Amino acid sequence: MNASIRWFVNNPVAANLLMLLIVIGGFFGAYGIGKEVFPSTSVNYITVNMPYPGAGPKEVEEQIVVRIEEAIYNLEGIKSLSSLKPVKDVALSQLR
C-alpha cells in the first residue's frame, strides 16, 4: 500500500490523470443510468380515510365503516379488506 502511495506522490501527473478518468467515468455512468421524474410503479392497495367530525368511535364504525365494507366487499379484484378501530372521529380502511 505504501509503495502505491509513494508512486503517486512521485508522479503527480499520473495521479491527476487517474482522478480525471474516474471523474469522467462517473459522468458517463450517471448519464447512462435510466432516470424518470415519475417512475411507473404498480400500487396494489388503496387506503380510504373517512373523517366524521363530532362523532364517537361507535358512530363512525356503525355509520361509515360497516357501510363502506358492505359496499365494497363483493367487488371484483379485492383480495383483502381491513379496517382500523375508529379513533375519535376518523376511520381508516385498507383494500388490497
Protein backbone atom coordinates (compact mmCIF):
# COMPACT_ATOMS: atom_id res chain seq x y z
CA MET A 1 0.00 0.00 0.00
CA ASN A 2 2.78 2.42 0.87
CA ALA A 3 4.54 1.72 -2.43
CA SER A 4 1.50 2.80 -4.48
CA ILE A 5 1.07 5.97 -2.43
CA ARG A 6 4.74 6.75 -2.80
CA TRP A 7 4.49 6.20 -6.60
CA PHE A 8 1.56 8.64 -6.88
CA VAL A 9 3.42 11.22 -4.77
CA ASN A 10 6.42 10.95 -7.09
CA ASN A 11 4.22 11.05 -10.23
CA PRO A 12 1.61 13.81 -9.69
CA VAL A 13 0.66 13.89 -13.38
CA ALA A 14 -0.34 10.23 -13.24
CA ALA A 15 -2.39 10.84 -10.08
CA ASN A 16 -4.22 13.73 -11.74
CA LEU A 17 -4.88 11.69 -14.90
CA LEU A 18 -6.29 8.85 -12.82
CA MET A 19 -8.53 11.29 -10.96
CA LEU A 20 -9.68 12.79 -14.27
CA LEU A 21 -10.51 9.34 -15.64
CA ILE A 22 -12.54 8.50 -12.53
CA VAL A 23 -14.50 11.78 -12.77
CA ILE A 24 -15.21 11.32 -16.49
CA GLY A 25 -16.26 7.72 -15.87
CA GLY A 26 -18.61 8.95 -13.15
CA PHE A 27 -20.24 11.43 -15.53
CA PHE A 28 -20.73 8.77 -18.20
CA GLY A 29 -22.09 6.39 -15.61
CA ALA A 30 -24.55 8.99 -14.27
CA TYR A 31 -25.90 9.74 -17.74
CA GLY A 32 -26.15 6.06 -18.57
CA ILE A 33 -28.47 5.30 -15.65
CA GLY A 34 -32.13 5.34 -16.61
CA LYS A 35 -33.89 8.09 -14.70
CA GLU A 36 -37.53 9.13 -14.65
CA VAL A 37 -39.26 12.00 -12.92
CA PHE A 38 -42.31 9.87 -12.15
CA PRO A 39 -41.31 6.20 -12.46
CA SER A 40 -44.07 3.73 -13.18
CA THR A 41 -44.94 1.62 -10.17
CA SER A 42 -47.81 -0.72 -9.55
CA VAL A 43 -49.79 0.07 -6.45
CA ASN A 44 -51.67 -2.93 -5.14
CA TYR A 45 -53.54 -1.26 -2.30
CA ILE A 46 -55.70 1.75 -1.58
CA THR A 47 -56.25 3.49 1.73
CA VAL A 48 -59.56 5.17 2.50
CA ASN A 49 -59.62 7.81 5.23
CA MET A 50 -63.13 8.72 6.40
CA PRO A 51 -63.48 11.70 8.75
CA TYR A 52 -66.78 12.21 10.55
CA PRO A 53 -66.39 15.35 12.71
CA GLY A 54 -68.14 15.27 16.06
CA ALA A 55 -68.91 11.54 16.00
CA GLY A 56 -67.76 8.97 18.52
CA PRO A 57 -65.93 5.76 17.62
CA LYS A 58 -69.12 3.66 17.80
CA GLU A 59 -71.00 6.02 15.48
CA VAL A 60 -68.13 6.08 12.99
CA GLU A 61 -67.97 2.28 12.97
CA GLU A 62 -71.71 1.78 12.53
CA GLN A 63 -72.46 4.63 10.12
CA ILE A 64 -69.31 4.70 7.97
CA VAL A 65 -67.01 1.71 8.31
CA VAL A 66 -69.63 -1.05 8.19
CA ARG A 67 -71.46 0.57 5.26
CA ILE A 68 -68.31 1.01 3.21
CA GLU A 69 -67.13 -2.52 3.98
CA GLU A 70 -70.50 -3.94 2.89
CA ALA A 71 -70.49 -1.87 -0.31
CA ILE A 72 -67.00 -2.87 -1.46
CA TYR A 73 -66.65 -6.37 -0.03
CA ASN A 74 -68.02 -8.15 -3.13
CA LEU A 75 -66.26 -6.01 -5.75
CA GLU A 76 -64.09 -7.86 -8.22
CA GLY A 77 -60.32 -7.70 -7.66
CA ILE A 78 -60.38 -7.06 -3.91
CA LYS A 79 -58.29 -9.69 -2.16
CA SER A 80 -58.49 -8.37 1.39
CA LEU A 81 -60.16 -5.62 3.34
CA SER A 82 -59.00 -4.37 6.72
CA SER A 83 -60.24 -1.53 8.88
CA LEU A 84 -58.64 0.03 11.90
CA LYS A 85 -60.63 0.67 15.01
CA PRO A 86 -62.12 4.18 14.74
CA VAL A 87 -60.32 6.72 16.89
CA LYS A 88 -62.28 9.87 17.78
CA ASP A 89 -63.99 10.91 14.55
CA VAL A 90 -61.85 9.19 11.88
CA ALA A 91 -61.92 5.67 10.42
CA LEU A 92 -59.25 4.11 8.20
CA SER A 93 -59.70 1.17 5.81
CA GLN A 94 -57.16 -0.51 3.56
CA LEU A 95 -58.01 -2.56 0.45
CA ARG A 96 -55.72 -5.00 -1.36
